[in-house]
């Protein structure tokens, strides 16, 4: 009986260890702090892209206004 209990405990320990190894191999050892840093970097990149797009839109609008001003302001 004692042998069965010890065998069951060893088998359970092996199952737990294998499960931990498999999950770690799939998900990686990324810590919460690293995930937060990645998320912050992604947010910052997104904000920069949005700012650039806004600047490009503004420049396009200015150029369009300048063209329209030249087209309507010329001798007619």
C-alpha atoms as a PDB file:
ATOM      1  CA  UNK A   1       0.000   0.000   0.000  1.00  0.00           C
ATOM      2  CA  UNK A   2       2.797   2.433   0.895  1.00  0.00           C
ATOM      3  CA  UNK A   3       4.432   1.657  -2.415  1.00  0.00           C
ATOM      4  CA  UNK A   4       1.272   2.615  -4.280  1.00  0.00           C
ATOM      5  CA  UNK A   5       1.016   5.926  -2.418  1.00  0.00           C
ATOM      6  CA  UNK A   6       4.653   6.766  -3.131  1.00  0.00           C
ATOM      7  CA  UNK A   7       4.211   5.713  -6.780  1.00  0.00           C
ATOM      8  CA  UNK A   8       1.103   7.883  -7.098  1.00  0.00           C
ATOM      9  CA  UNK A   9       2.884  10.873  -5.566  1.00  0.00           C
ATOM     10  CA  UNK A  10       5.825  10.435  -7.921  1.00  0.00           C
ATOM     11  CA  UNK A  11       3.486  10.119 -10.906  1.00  0.00           C
ATOM     12  CA  UNK A  12       1.601  13.252  -9.822  1.00  0.00           C
ATOM     13  CA  UNK A  13       4.859  15.172  -9.414  1.00  0.00           C
ATOM     14  CA  UNK A  14       6.000  14.101 -12.878  1.00  0.00           C
ATOM     15  CA  UNK A  15       2.670  15.192 -14.383  1.00  0.00           C
ATOM     16  CA  UNK A  16       2.944  18.597 -12.697  1.00  0.00           C
ATOM     17  CA  UNK A  17       6.532  19.082 -13.848  1.00  0.00           C
ATOM     18  CA  UNK A  18       5.733  18.088 -17.433  1.00  0.00           C
ATOM     19  CA  UNK A  19       2.730  20.418 -17.457  1.00  0.00           C
ATOM     20  CA  UNK A  20       4.820  23.345 -16.191  1.00  0.00           C
ATOM     21  CA  UNK A  21       7.519  22.680 -18.795  1.00  0.00           C
ATOM     22  CA  UNK A  22       5.003  22.455 -21.640  1.00  0.00           C
ATOM     23  CA  UNK A  23       3.117  25.604 -20.635  1.00  0.00           C
ATOM     24  CA  UNK A  24       6.333  27.562 -20.119  1.00  0.00           C
ATOM     25  CA  UNK A  25       7.647  26.423 -23.488  1.00  0.00           C
ATOM     26  CA  UNK A  26       4.448  27.555 -25.212  1.00  0.00           C
ATOM     27  CA  UNK A  27       3.914  30.848 -23.428  1.00  0.00           C
ATOM     28  CA  UNK A  28       7.480  31.756 -22.585  1.00  0.00           C
ATOM     29  CA  UNK A  29       8.857  33.158 -19.398  1.00  0.00           C
ATOM     30  CA  UNK A  30       7.611  36.692 -19.986  1.00  0.00           C
ATOM     31  CA  UNK A  31       7.082  38.525 -16.736  1.00  0.00           C
ATOM     32  CA  UNK A  32       4.255  40.923 -16.037  1.00  0.00           C
ATOM     33  CA  UNK A  33       6.680  43.851 -16.054  1.00  0.00           C
ATOM     34  CA  UNK A  34       7.939  42.888 -19.513  1.00  0.00           C
ATOM     35  CA  UNK A  35       4.381  42.608 -20.807  1.00  0.00           C
ATOM     36  CA  UNK A  36       3.563  46.059 -19.410  1.00  0.00           C
ATOM     37  CA  UNK A  37       6.674  47.513 -21.067  1.00  0.00           C
ATOM     38  CA  UNK A  38       5.654  45.993 -24.396  1.00  0.00           C
ATOM     39  CA  UNK A  39       2.148  47.369 -24.005  1.00  0.00           C
ATOM     40  CA  UNK A  40       3.466  50.840 -23.143  1.00  0.00           C
ATOM     41  CA  UNK A  41       5.829  50.788 -26.127  1.00  0.00           C
ATOM     42  CA  UNK A  42       2.969  49.756 -28.406  1.00  0.00           C
ATOM     43  CA  UNK A  43       0.773  52.578 -27.091  1.00  0.00           C
ATOM     44  CA  UNK A  44       3.581  55.078 -27.599  1.00  0.00           C
ATOM     45  CA  UNK A  45       4.162  53.885 -31.160  1.00  0.00           C
ATOM     46  CA  UNK A  46       0.458  54.142 -31.895  1.00  0.00           C
ATOM     47  CA  UNK A  47       0.312  57.676 -30.518  1.00  0.00           C
ATOM     48  CA  UNK A  48       3.317  58.713 -32.614  1.00  0.00           C
ATOM     49  CA  UNK A  49       1.715  57.271 -35.729  1.00  0.00           C
ATOM     50  CA  UNK A  50      -1.503  59.149 -35.001  1.00  0.00           C
ATOM     51  CA  UNK A  51       0.436  62.391 -34.513  1.00  0.00           C
ATOM     52  CA  UNK A  52       2.253  61.887 -37.819  1.00  0.00           C
ATOM     53  CA  UNK A  53      -1.018  61.210 -39.596  1.00  0.00           C
ATOM     54  CA  UNK A  54      -2.509  64.375 -38.116  1.00  0.00           C
ATOM     55  CA  UNK A  55       0.503  66.400 -39.253  1.00  0.00           C
ATOM     56  CA  UNK A  56       0.270  64.939 -42.745  1.00  0.00           C
ATOM     57  CA  UNK A  57      -3.437  65.763 -42.917  1.00  0.00           C
ATOM     58  CA  UNK A  58      -2.776  69.326 -41.797  1.00  0.00           C
ATOM     59  CA  UNK A  59      -0.034  69.752 -44.394  1.00  0.00           C
ATOM     60  CA  UNK A  60      -2.303  68.352 -47.108  1.00  0.00           C
ATOM     61  CA  UNK A  61      -5.080  70.721 -46.083  1.00  0.00           C
ATOM     62  CA  UNK A  62      -2.687  73.701 -46.143  1.00  0.00           C
ATOM     63  CA  UNK A  63      -1.430  72.749 -49.598  1.00  0.00           C
ATOM     64  CA  UNK A  64      -4.994  72.320 -50.809  1.00  0.00           C
ATOM     65  CA  UNK A  65      -5.950  75.737 -49.415  1.00  0.00           C
ATOM     66  CA  UNK A  66      -2.904  77.320 -51.065  1.00  0.00           C
ATOM     67  CA  UNK A  67      -3.805  75.730 -54.402  1.00  0.00           C
ATOM     68  CA  UNK A  68      -7.387  76.874 -54.118  1.00  0.00           C
ATOM     69  CA  UNK A  69      -6.208  80.376 -53.204  1.00  0.00           C
ATOM     70  CA  UNK A  70      -3.964  80.505 -56.272  1.00  0.00           C
ATOM     71  CA  UNK A  71      -6.637  79.121 -58.551  1.00  0.00           C
ATOM     72  CA  UNK A  72      -9.323  81.584 -57.468  1.00  0.00           C
ATOM     73  CA  UNK A  73      -7.001  84.563 -56.950  1.00  0.00           C
ATOM     74  CA  UNK A  74      -5.529  84.645 -60.441  1.00  0.00           C
ATOM     75  CA  UNK A  75      -6.603  86.915 -63.306  1.00  0.00           C
ATOM     76  CA  UNK A  76      -9.833  85.788 -64.650  1.00  0.00           C
END
